[in-house]
Protein backbone atom coordinates (compact mmCIF):
# COMPACT_ATOMS: atom_id res chain seq x y z
CA UNK A 1 8.82 -24.43 -7.74
CA UNK A 2 6.23 -21.90 -8.98
CA UNK A 3 5.79 -21.38 -12.70
CA UNK A 4 4.78 -18.34 -14.71
CA UNK A 5 1.99 -20.10 -16.58
CA UNK A 6 0.07 -20.61 -13.32
CA UNK A 7 1.17 -17.37 -11.68
CA UNK A 8 -0.26 -15.18 -14.44
CA UNK A 9 -4.03 -15.63 -14.50
CA UNK A 10 -6.76 -13.31 -15.74
CA UNK A 11 -9.47 -15.13 -13.78
CA UNK A 12 -11.59 -12.63 -11.85
CA UNK A 13 -12.19 -13.06 -8.15
CA UNK A 14 -15.90 -13.55 -7.43
CA UNK A 15 -16.72 -13.96 -11.12
CA UNK A 16 -15.17 -17.36 -11.74
CA UNK A 17 -18.39 -18.93 -13.05
CA UNK A 18 -19.25 -16.08 -15.40
CA UNK A 19 -18.10 -16.06 -18.99
CA UNK A 20 -17.96 -12.38 -19.85
CA UNK A 21 -16.80 -11.02 -23.17
CA UNK A 22 -14.78 -7.84 -23.48
CA UNK A 23 -16.37 -5.13 -25.58
CA UNK A 24 -13.18 -3.13 -26.04
CA UNK A 25 -9.49 -3.70 -26.68
CA UNK A 26 -8.37 -3.60 -23.06
CA UNK A 27 -6.86 -6.70 -21.48
CA UNK A 28 -8.26 -7.94 -18.17
CA UNK A 29 -5.27 -6.50 -16.32
CA UNK A 30 -5.74 -3.09 -17.94
CA UNK A 31 -9.36 -3.28 -16.80
CA UNK A 32 -8.10 -3.86 -13.25
CA UNK A 33 -6.10 -0.63 -13.49
CA UNK A 34 -9.11 1.32 -14.76
CA UNK A 35 -11.44 -0.06 -12.08
CA UNK A 36 -9.04 1.13 -9.41
CA UNK A 37 -8.45 4.57 -10.95
CA UNK A 38 -12.18 5.33 -11.07
CA UNK A 39 -12.99 3.92 -7.63
CA UNK A 40 -14.03 6.05 -4.65
CA UNK A 41 -11.39 4.54 -2.28
CA UNK A 42 -8.64 5.46 -4.74
CA UNK A 43 -10.01 8.98 -5.15
CA UNK A 44 -10.00 9.47 -1.38
CA UNK A 45 -6.23 8.95 -1.32
CA UNK A 46 -5.89 12.57 -2.46
CA UNK A 47 -6.65 13.62 1.11
CA UNK A 48 -4.56 11.06 2.98
CA UNK A 49 -1.16 12.18 4.22
CA UNK A 50 1.92 10.61 2.65
CA UNK A 51 4.54 12.20 4.90
CA UNK A 52 4.09 15.96 5.10
CA UNK A 53 0.84 17.49 6.42
CA UNK A 54 -0.99 20.12 4.35
CA UNK A 55 2.07 22.19 3.28
CA UNK A 56 0.13 25.25 2.07
CA UNK A 57 1.31 26.75 -1.22
CA UNK A 58 4.14 24.24 -1.76
CA UNK A 59 2.93 21.07 -3.47
CA UNK A 60 4.21 17.80 -2.04
CA UNK A 61 2.93 14.25 -2.26
CA UNK A 62 -0.23 12.78 -0.86
CA UNK A 63 -1.21 9.10 -1.03
CA UNK A 64 -2.88 9.52 -4.40
CA UNK A 65 0.05 11.15 -6.22
CA UNK A 66 2.39 8.67 -4.54
CA UNK A 67 0.29 5.72 -5.75
CA UNK A 68 0.19 7.07 -9.31
CA UNK A 69 3.96 7.49 -9.36
CA UNK A 70 4.50 4.03 -7.88
CA UNK A 71 2.22 2.63 -10.62
CA UNK A 72 4.34 4.30 -13.31
CA UNK A 73 7.57 2.92 -11.88
CA UNK A 74 5.92 -0.47 -11.38
CA UNK A 75 4.88 -0.60 -15.02
CA UNK A 76 8.47 0.09 -16.11
CA UNK A 77 9.78 -2.60 -13.77
CA UNK A 78 7.21 -5.11 -15.02
CA UNK A 79 7.87 -4.37 -18.68
CA UNK A 80 11.62 -4.68 -18.13
CA UNK A 81 11.29 -8.02 -16.37
CA UNK A 82 8.85 -9.34 -18.98
CA UNK A 83 11.18 -8.47 -21.83
CA UNK A 84 14.24 -10.05 -20.20
CA UNK A 85 12.44 -13.23 -19.17
CA UNK A 86 11.22 -13.79 -22.72
CA UNK A 87 14.69 -13.10 -24.10
CA UNK A 88 16.17 -15.52 -21.57
CA UNK A 89 13.79 -18.42 -22.26
CA UNK A 90 13.36 -17.79 -25.96
CA UNK A 91 9.86 -19.25 -25.88
CA UNK A 92 6.34 -18.53 -24.72
CA UNK A 93 6.46 -18.99 -20.93
CA UNK A 94 2.91 -17.73 -20.42
CA UNK A 95 0.29 -16.20 -22.74
CA UNK A 96 0.20 -13.25 -20.31
CA UNK A 97 3.94 -12.64 -20.03
CA UNK A 98 3.58 -9.33 -21.93
CA UNK A 99 1.06 -8.20 -19.30
CA UNK A 100 3.41 -8.17 -16.30
CA UNK A 101 3.77 -4.39 -16.52
CA UNK A 102 -0.02 -3.95 -16.48
CA UNK A 103 -0.43 -6.33 -13.52
CA UNK A 104 2.26 -4.63 -11.47
CA UNK A 105 0.98 -1.12 -12.20
CA UNK A 106 -2.56 -2.09 -11.14
CA UNK A 107 -1.26 -3.67 -7.93
CA UNK A 108 0.78 -0.51 -7.26
CA UNK A 109 -2.38 1.60 -7.51
CA UNK A 110 -4.00 -0.59 -4.84
CA UNK A 111 -1.09 -1.02 -2.44
CA UNK A 112 -2.08 1.85 -0.10
CA UNK A 113 -5.87 1.60 -0.32
CA UNK A 114 -6.17 -0.01 3.12
CA UNK A 115 -4.23 2.65 5.02
CA UNK A 116 -6.32 4.51 7.61
CA UNK A 117 -6.22 8.31 7.98
CA UNK A 118 -2.88 9.67 9.22
CA UNK A 119 -0.98 6.59 8.01
CA UNK A 120 1.08 4.62 10.51
CA UNK A 121 -0.10 6.86 13.33
CA UNK A 122 -3.68 5.81 12.53
CA UNK A 123 -2.67 2.14 12.44
CA UNK A 124 -1.02 2.48 15.84
CA UNK A 125 -4.08 4.20 17.34
CA UNK A 126 -6.35 1.37 16.17
CA UNK A 127 -4.04 -1.36 17.47
CA UNK A 128 -3.34 0.21 20.85
CA UNK A 129 -7.00 1.01 21.55
CA UNK A 130 -7.59 -2.74 21.68
CA UNK A 131 -4.23 -3.97 22.99
CA UNK A 132 -3.85 -1.55 25.90
CA UNK A 133 -6.87 0.77 25.88
CA UNK A 134 -10.58 0.66 26.53
CA UNK A 135 -11.11 -2.07 23.94
CA UNK A 136 -8.98 -4.63 25.77
CA UNK A 137 -12.07 -6.27 27.33
CA UNK A 138 -12.97 -7.70 23.89
CA UNK A 139 -10.08 -10.18 23.98
CA UNK A 140 -12.23 -12.89 25.58
CA UNK A 141 -14.97 -12.41 22.97
CA UNK A 142 -12.82 -13.36 19.96
CA UNK A 143 -10.65 -16.26 18.86
CA UNK A 144 -6.90 -15.82 19.37
CA UNK A 145 -6.30 -15.11 15.67
CA UNK A 146 -9.25 -12.71 15.40
CA UNK A 147 -7.90 -10.81 18.38
CA UNK A 148 -4.44 -10.65 16.83
CA UNK A 149 -6.00 -9.18 13.65
CA UNK A 150 -7.34 -6.31 15.74
CA UNK A 151 -4.37 -5.60 18.01
CA UNK A 152 -1.93 -5.65 15.08
CA UNK A 153 -4.21 -3.86 12.61
CA UNK A 154 -2.42 -3.73 9.26
CA UNK A 155 -3.06 -1.53 6.22
CA UNK A 156 -1.85 -4.29 3.88
CA UNK A 157 -4.43 -6.77 5.19
CA UNK A 158 -7.07 -4.06 5.13
CA UNK A 159 -6.35 -3.37 1.45
CA UNK A 160 -6.94 -7.03 0.60
CA UNK A 161 -10.22 -6.92 2.56
CA UNK A 162 -11.32 -3.73 0.82
CA UNK A 163 -10.69 -5.25 -2.60
CA UNK A 164 -12.33 -8.64 -1.98
CA UNK A 165 -14.97 -8.27 0.74
CA UNK A 166 -18.66 -8.27 -0.19
CA UNK A 167 -19.94 -5.25 1.72
CA UNK A 168 -23.70 -4.64 1.95
CA UNK A 169 -25.06 -3.67 -1.46
CA UNK A 170 -21.81 -4.56 -3.21
CA UNK A 171 -21.27 -7.28 -5.78
CA UNK A 172 -19.71 -10.60 -4.91
CA UNK A 173 -15.94 -10.50 -4.98
CA UNK A 174 -15.60 -6.81 -4.13
CA UNK A 175 -13.68 -5.10 -6.93
CA UNK A 176 -13.62 -8.41 -8.84
CA UNK A 177 -9.97 -7.95 -9.76
CA UNK A 178 -7.91 -10.67 -11.41
CA UNK A 179 -6.26 -13.27 -9.22
CA UNK A 180 -2.77 -12.15 -10.26
CA UNK A 181 -3.38 -8.50 -9.40
CA UNK A 182 -4.77 -9.41 -5.98
CA UNK A 183 -1.84 -11.71 -5.20
CA UNK A 184 0.63 -9.03 -6.28
CA UNK A 185 -0.40 -6.65 -3.48
CA UNK A 186 0.13 -9.30 -0.77
CA UNK A 187 3.52 -8.17 0.52
CA UNK A 188 3.04 -10.38 3.58
CA UNK A 189 1.17 -13.49 2.33
CA UNK A 190 0.20 -14.88 5.70
CA UNK A 191 -2.29 -14.29 8.50
CA UNK A 192 -1.71 -12.32 11.70
CA UNK A 193 -0.84 -15.61 13.44
CA UNK A 194 2.59 -15.27 11.79
CA UNK A 195 3.05 -11.54 12.34
CA UNK A 196 6.46 -11.03 13.90
CA UNK A 197 8.22 -8.00 15.41
CA UNK A 198 7.07 -5.57 12.73
CA UNK A 199 3.53 -6.94 13.12
CA UNK A 200 2.97 -7.15 9.37
CA UNK A 201 0.57 -9.58 7.71
CA UNK A 202 -1.47 -9.83 4.53
CA UNK A 203 -5.04 -10.84 5.33
CA UNK A 204 -7.49 -10.93 8.22
CA UNK A 205 -9.22 -14.09 9.42
CA UNK A 206 -12.34 -12.83 7.65
CA UNK A 207 -10.53 -13.17 4.29
CA UNK A 208 -8.30 -16.18 4.93
CA UNK A 209 -10.42 -18.50 2.76
CA UNK A 210 -10.36 -15.95 -0.06
CA UNK A 211 -6.58 -15.66 0.03
CA UNK A 212 -6.19 -19.44 0.23
CA UNK A 213 -8.37 -19.82 -2.85
CA UNK A 214 -6.24 -17.34 -4.81
CA UNK A 215 -2.98 -18.89 -3.60
CA UNK A 216 -4.03 -22.38 -4.66
CA UNK A 217 -5.23 -21.17 -8.06
CA UNK A 218 -1.92 -19.44 -8.81
CA UNK A 219 0.27 -22.18 -7.36
CA UNK A 220 1.84 -20.16 -4.54
CA UNK A 221 3.97 -22.39 -2.34
CA UNK A 222 2.40 -23.09 1.05
CA UNK A 223 4.87 -22.94 3.93
CA UNK A 224 2.40 -23.58 6.73
CA UNK A 225 -1.34 -23.26 7.27
CA UNK A 226 -2.32 -19.67 6.39
CA UNK A 227 1.24 -18.88 5.27
CA UNK A 228 2.56 -18.76 1.69
CA UNK A 229 5.56 -17.48 -0.21
CA UNK A 230 5.16 -14.24 -2.10
CA UNK A 231 3.85 -14.05 -5.62
CA UNK A 232 6.97 -13.04 -7.63
CA UNK A 233 5.40 -9.78 -8.81
CA UNK A 234 5.13 -8.61 -5.19
CA UNK A 235 8.88 -7.94 -5.35
CA UNK A 236 8.32 -5.52 -8.22
CA UNK A 237 5.46 -3.72 -6.43
CA UNK A 238 7.64 -3.46 -3.33
CA UNK A 239 10.59 -2.13 -5.36
CA UNK A 240 8.41 0.51 -7.04
CA UNK A 241 7.21 1.67 -3.62
CA UNK A 242 10.74 1.65 -2.19
CA UNK A 243 12.06 3.72 -5.07
CA UNK A 244 9.27 6.30 -5.02
CA UNK A 245 8.81 6.97 -1.35
CA UNK A 246 12.53 7.35 -0.64
CA UNK A 247 13.49 9.48 -3.64
CA UNK A 248 10.28 11.55 -3.75
CA UNK A 249 10.46 12.25 -0.01
CA UNK A 250 13.95 13.69 -0.55
CA UNK A 251 12.59 15.97 -3.29
CA UNK A 252 9.64 17.03 -1.11
CA UNK A 253 11.98 17.80 1.79
CA UNK A 254 13.96 20.07 -0.53
CA UNK A 255 10.82 21.93 -1.59
CA UNK A 256 9.88 22.46 2.05
CA UNK A 257 13.44 23.63 2.82
CA UNK A 258 14.07 20.82 5.28
CA UNK A 259 17.08 19.94 3.11
CA UNK A 260 19.28 22.48 1.34
CA UNK A 261 19.85 22.35 -2.41
CA UNK A 262 23.45 21.30 -1.86
CA UNK A 263 22.48 18.48 0.51
CA UNK A 264 19.82 17.22 -1.87
CA UNK A 265 22.12 17.30 -4.88
CA UNK A 266 24.83 15.43 -3.00
CA UNK A 267 22.36 12.74 -1.93
CA UNK A 268 21.10 12.19 -5.47
CA UNK A 269 24.46 12.50 -7.23
CA UNK A 270 25.74 9.67 -5.03
CA UNK A 271 23.55 7.27 -7.07
CA UNK A 272 25.18 8.19 -10.39
CA UNK A 273 27.85 5.78 -11.69
CA UNK A 274 31.30 7.28 -12.18
CA UNK A 275 31.12 7.01 -15.98
CA UNK A 276 27.94 9.14 -16.11
CA UNK A 277 28.65 11.74 -13.45
CA UNK A 278 30.41 14.22 -15.77
CA UNK A 279 27.48 14.29 -18.21
CA UNK A 280 24.97 14.70 -15.40
CA UNK A 281 26.90 17.61 -13.90
CA UNK A 282 27.09 19.29 -17.30
CA UNK A 283 23.31 19.04 -17.64
CA UNK A 284 22.87 20.58 -14.19
CA UNK A 285 24.85 23.62 -15.36
CA UNK A 286 22.37 24.15 -18.20
CA UNK A 287 19.33 24.17 -15.88
CA UNK A 288 19.21 27.33 -13.75
CA UNK A 289 16.11 26.69 -11.61
CA UNK A 290 17.07 24.75 -8.47
CA UNK A 291 13.78 22.82 -8.29
CA UNK A 292 14.24 21.75 -11.91
CA UNK A 293 17.79 20.66 -11.14
CA UNK A 294 16.50 18.42 -8.36
CA UNK A 295 13.70 17.13 -10.60
CA UNK A 296 16.27 16.19 -13.27
CA UNK A 297 18.43 14.37 -10.73
CA UNK A 298 15.38 12.63 -9.27
CA UNK A 299 14.28 11.33 -12.67
CA UNK A 300 17.80 10.16 -13.46
CA UNK A 301 18.08 8.31 -10.16
CA UNK A 302 14.69 6.64 -10.55
CA UNK A 303 15.68 5.44 -14.02
CA UNK A 304 18.90 3.95 -12.65
CA UNK A 305 17.07 2.22 -9.80
CA UNK A 306 14.48 0.75 -12.17
CA UNK A 307 17.22 -0.81 -14.31
CA UNK A 308 19.06 -2.06 -11.22
CA UNK A 309 15.94 -3.68 -9.73
CA UNK A 310 15.04 -5.36 -13.03
CA UNK A 311 18.54 -6.85 -13.16
CA UNK A 312 18.24 -7.93 -9.50
CA UNK A 313 14.94 -9.71 -10.24
CA UNK A 314 16.34 -11.56 -13.26
CA UNK A 315 19.48 -12.54 -11.35
CA UNK A 316 17.36 -13.99 -8.52
CA UNK A 317 14.43 -15.30 -10.59
CA UNK A 318 15.09 -18.96 -9.76
CA UNK A 319 15.18 -18.41 -5.99
CA UNK A 320 12.11 -16.14 -6.25
CA UNK A 321 10.16 -18.90 -8.04
CA UNK A 322 11.37 -21.43 -5.47
CA UNK A 323 10.20 -19.15 -2.66
CA UNK A 324 13.67 -19.01 -1.11
CA UNK A 325 14.53 -15.37 -1.91
CA UNK A 326 14.46 -13.73 1.54
CA UNK A 327 15.28 -10.15 0.69
CA UNK A 328 14.06 -7.16 -1.33
CA UNK A 329 15.23 -6.10 -4.77
CA UNK A 330 16.42 -2.71 -3.50
CA UNK A 331 18.87 -4.54 -1.22
CA UNK A 332 20.31 -6.40 -4.20
CA UNK A 333 21.26 -3.49 -6.44
CA UNK A 334 24.89 -2.47 -7.21
CA UNK A 335 26.92 -1.38 -4.19
CA UNK A 336 27.21 2.30 -5.20
CA UNK A 337 23.46 2.74 -5.53
CA UNK A 338 22.74 0.58 -2.50
CA UNK A 339 25.01 2.76 -0.34
CA UNK A 340 23.41 5.93 -1.70
CA UNK A 341 19.92 4.57 -0.98
CA UNK A 342 20.87 3.62 2.57
CA UNK A 343 22.29 7.12 3.12
CA UNK A 344 18.94 8.58 2.04
CA UNK A 345 17.16 6.24 4.47
CA UNK A 346 19.33 7.32 7.39
CA UNK A 347 18.93 11.01 6.64
CA UNK A 348 15.17 10.68 6.10
CA UNK A 349 14.70 9.09 9.52
CA UNK A 350 16.72 11.82 11.23
CA UNK A 351 15.66 14.94 9.35
CA UNK A 352 12.38 14.26 7.53
CA UNK A 353 10.22 11.74 9.40
CA UNK A 354 11.09 13.31 12.77
CA UNK A 355 10.55 16.93 11.72
CA UNK A 356 8.27 18.94 14.00
CA UNK A 357 5.35 19.24 11.57
CA UNK A 358 5.37 15.52 10.80
CA UNK A 359 5.48 14.53 14.47
CA UNK A 360 2.74 17.04 15.35
CA UNK A 361 0.36 15.61 12.77
CA UNK A 362 1.14 12.07 13.95
CA UNK A 363 0.25 13.01 17.53
CA UNK A 364 -2.96 14.75 16.48
CA UNK A 365 -3.87 11.91 14.11
CA UNK A 366 -3.34 9.30 16.80
CA UNK A 367 -5.75 11.06 19.15
CA UNK A 368 -8.36 11.63 16.45
CA UNK A 369 -8.43 7.98 15.34
CA UNK A 370 -8.27 6.66 18.91
CA UNK A 371 -11.31 8.75 19.86
CA UNK A 372 -13.30 7.72 16.79
CA UNK A 373 -12.56 4.04 17.44
CA UNK A 374 -13.65 4.42 21.05
CA UNK A 375 -16.93 6.17 20.20
CA UNK A 376 -18.01 3.93 17.34
CA UNK A 377 -16.85 0.64 18.89
CA UNK A 378 -18.93 1.41 21.96
CA UNK A 379 -21.88 2.27 19.72
CA UNK A 380 -21.87 -1.01 17.75
CA UNK A 381 -21.49 -3.05 20.92
CA UNK A 382 -24.26 -1.17 22.77
CA UNK A 383 -26.71 -0.24 19.98
CA UNK A 384 -29.66 -0.05 22.37
CA UNK A 385 -28.35 3.17 23.94
CA UNK A 386 -29.70 6.49 22.69
CA UNK A 387 -26.28 8.06 22.00
CA UNK A 388 -25.13 4.88 20.25
CA UNK A 389 -28.14 5.08 17.97
CA UNK A 390 -27.19 8.61 16.94
CA UNK A 391 -23.61 7.62 16.22
CA UNK A 392 -24.63 4.54 14.24
CA UNK A 393 -26.72 6.74 11.96
CA UNK A 394 -23.42 8.24 10.75
CA UNK A 395 -22.13 4.86 9.51
CA UNK A 396 -23.18 4.08 5.91
CA UNK A 397 -25.34 0.98 5.44
CA UNK A 398 -22.66 -0.80 3.42
CA UNK A 399 -20.80 -1.54 6.66
CA UNK A 400 -22.15 -4.56 8.54
CA UNK A 401 -22.56 -3.14 12.05
CA UNK A 402 -25.26 -5.72 12.80
CA UNK A 403 -22.82 -8.64 12.45
CA UNK A 404 -23.57 -11.69 14.56
CA UNK A 405 -20.34 -11.44 16.60
CA UNK A 406 -18.03 -8.85 18.15
CA UNK A 407 -15.25 -9.53 15.62
CA UNK A 408 -17.55 -8.70 12.71
CA UNK A 409 -18.91 -5.59 14.42
CA UNK A 410 -15.45 -4.23 15.16
CA UNK A 411 -14.30 -4.93 11.59
CA UNK A 412 -17.30 -2.91 10.36
CA UNK A 413 -16.14 0.04 12.49
CA UNK A 414 -12.59 -0.34 11.19
CA UNK A 415 -13.90 -0.50 7.60
CA UNK A 416 -15.73 2.79 8.18
CA UNK A 417 -12.90 4.65 9.92
CA UNK A 418 -10.01 3.36 7.81
CA UNK A 419 -11.82 4.52 4.68
CA UNK A 420 -12.01 8.12 5.88
CA UNK A 421 -9.80 10.91 4.57
CA UNK A 422 -7.71 12.89 7.04
CA UNK A 423 -9.99 15.91 6.78
CA UNK A 424 -13.21 13.89 7.14
CA UNK A 425 -11.82 12.16 10.24
CA UNK A 426 -10.85 15.52 11.75
CA UNK A 427 -14.25 17.04 10.93
CA UNK A 428 -16.17 14.10 12.41
CA UNK A 429 -13.94 14.15 15.50
CA UNK A 430 -14.77 17.82 16.08
CA UNK A 431 -18.48 17.31 15.59
CA UNK A 432 -18.96 14.33 17.89
CA UNK A 433 -16.91 16.07 20.57
CA UNK A 434 -18.98 19.28 20.31
CA UNK A 435 -16.04 21.31 19.02
CA UNK A 436 -17.85 22.42 15.87
CA UNK A 437 -21.43 22.55 14.64
CA UNK A 438 -22.78 22.36 11.10
CA UNK A 439 -24.01 25.65 9.62
CA UNK A 440 -27.80 25.67 9.62
C-alpha cells in the first residue's frame, strides 16, 4: 500500500545531488507552477486548438485557457482533499500534505504540453504515417517497443518526455520539476507495451528509466515491468480535466450558437440538486444577459462537481492507495450529477465534436501533420541529399537529428513537429509545398 509520506516529495528531477536554497517564500511545488507558466511550450498552447477552430470575434477556449482553468479546478480539488485527509487522520501524514493543491495545479498546467498541433487529429496523423503510410519500412529498424511508441504516438507520453528530456543545450532533467508533480501527470503510468484499445500510455522507451526512477522514489506500486499504478494525485488532475473540458465545451457551443440557450440551461440545470434548484432559478431571473446566465450556471456546476469529486476521492482513498481503484472520480459522483454529466457527453459527441467546422479542421490538420512528418522524417534519414539539407536547416539545434539510430532521429522530428502551434504548422506546410513565399 502506498503512503502519503513517500508520495509527496519535493526532490527535483535531474537535480538530486544539488542542495539549493530558496531565496523567496515559494515552496518547491509553487516553483514548479511558475516554471511552467513562464515556459515557451506553455505559451505556445495559446495557438493550439482545444475543440473549435479560430472562431473569429467570439472567444472560445484554446489549449492555454483550458490548461489555466484546469489548474484552478485542480487546486480546489487538491486543497479540498488535503483538508479532509488531515481532518480524517488527525495527525501529520506528510510534511507536504498542505501542498497537494499546489502539486495538482502544477500538474494540470503541464497535462496538455505534449499534444501536437490539431490535437487528436495530429496524433492520428503521426501514428498512421508509420503504421500504414510511407514510414512503415522503419519497423525493422527499431525494437518492438520502440516501434509501438511511434505507431501509437501519445500526447501524454510526449508531455513526460518534454518535461524530463535533456535536449541539446538544455540542463539535465529538462524542466527539473519535483518528482510528485511529474508523477501526477502520468495518467497512464506504463509503457506502450501495455497500450490497449485506446492506445494510451505514459512514457516512451527513451524515458522508461526516468519514469522508473521517479516511481521507485515515490513508492508507486509496480504491477509488471514498465507498468505501475497511478500516483493518487493523477485522479485529481484527471477530474479537473474532465470537469473543465465537458462543462466549458458546452458553454463554448452556446456562444457559437451550436446549442440554444434553452438547451444549454437544461443541460446545466440537470446537475443542480433538488434542494438548490429554486434558488438557482431565482438568480437566473435577476441576470438578463443570456451569456451571463450560462456563465453563472457553469460556475455553479463546476463548484458542485469539485465537491463531489473531493468526496469521491476521500471515499475511495484506501483503494486508491492500494492501487485497486479502477475507475475515475467523475464516475463516482452522486447519481444525479453523474447522469447529467453523461448526458453532456452524449450531446457533445453528437452535436459539438462532429460539427462541420470541427471536422473540417481535423481533416486539414491531419493532412498538414502527415505531410510534415513525411518531409522531415525523410530528411533526417537521408541527410546527404540536397533537399534534405535544406529542410534540416529549419529544425532548431536543440533537437537531436544526428542521433545514432532511427528511433532517436524520428523522436527528434516528433519533438520538433509536436511542439509547433497550429498556425506555425500550417505556415511551414504552405512554404515547403510552394504554396506561399516569404515577403522579401
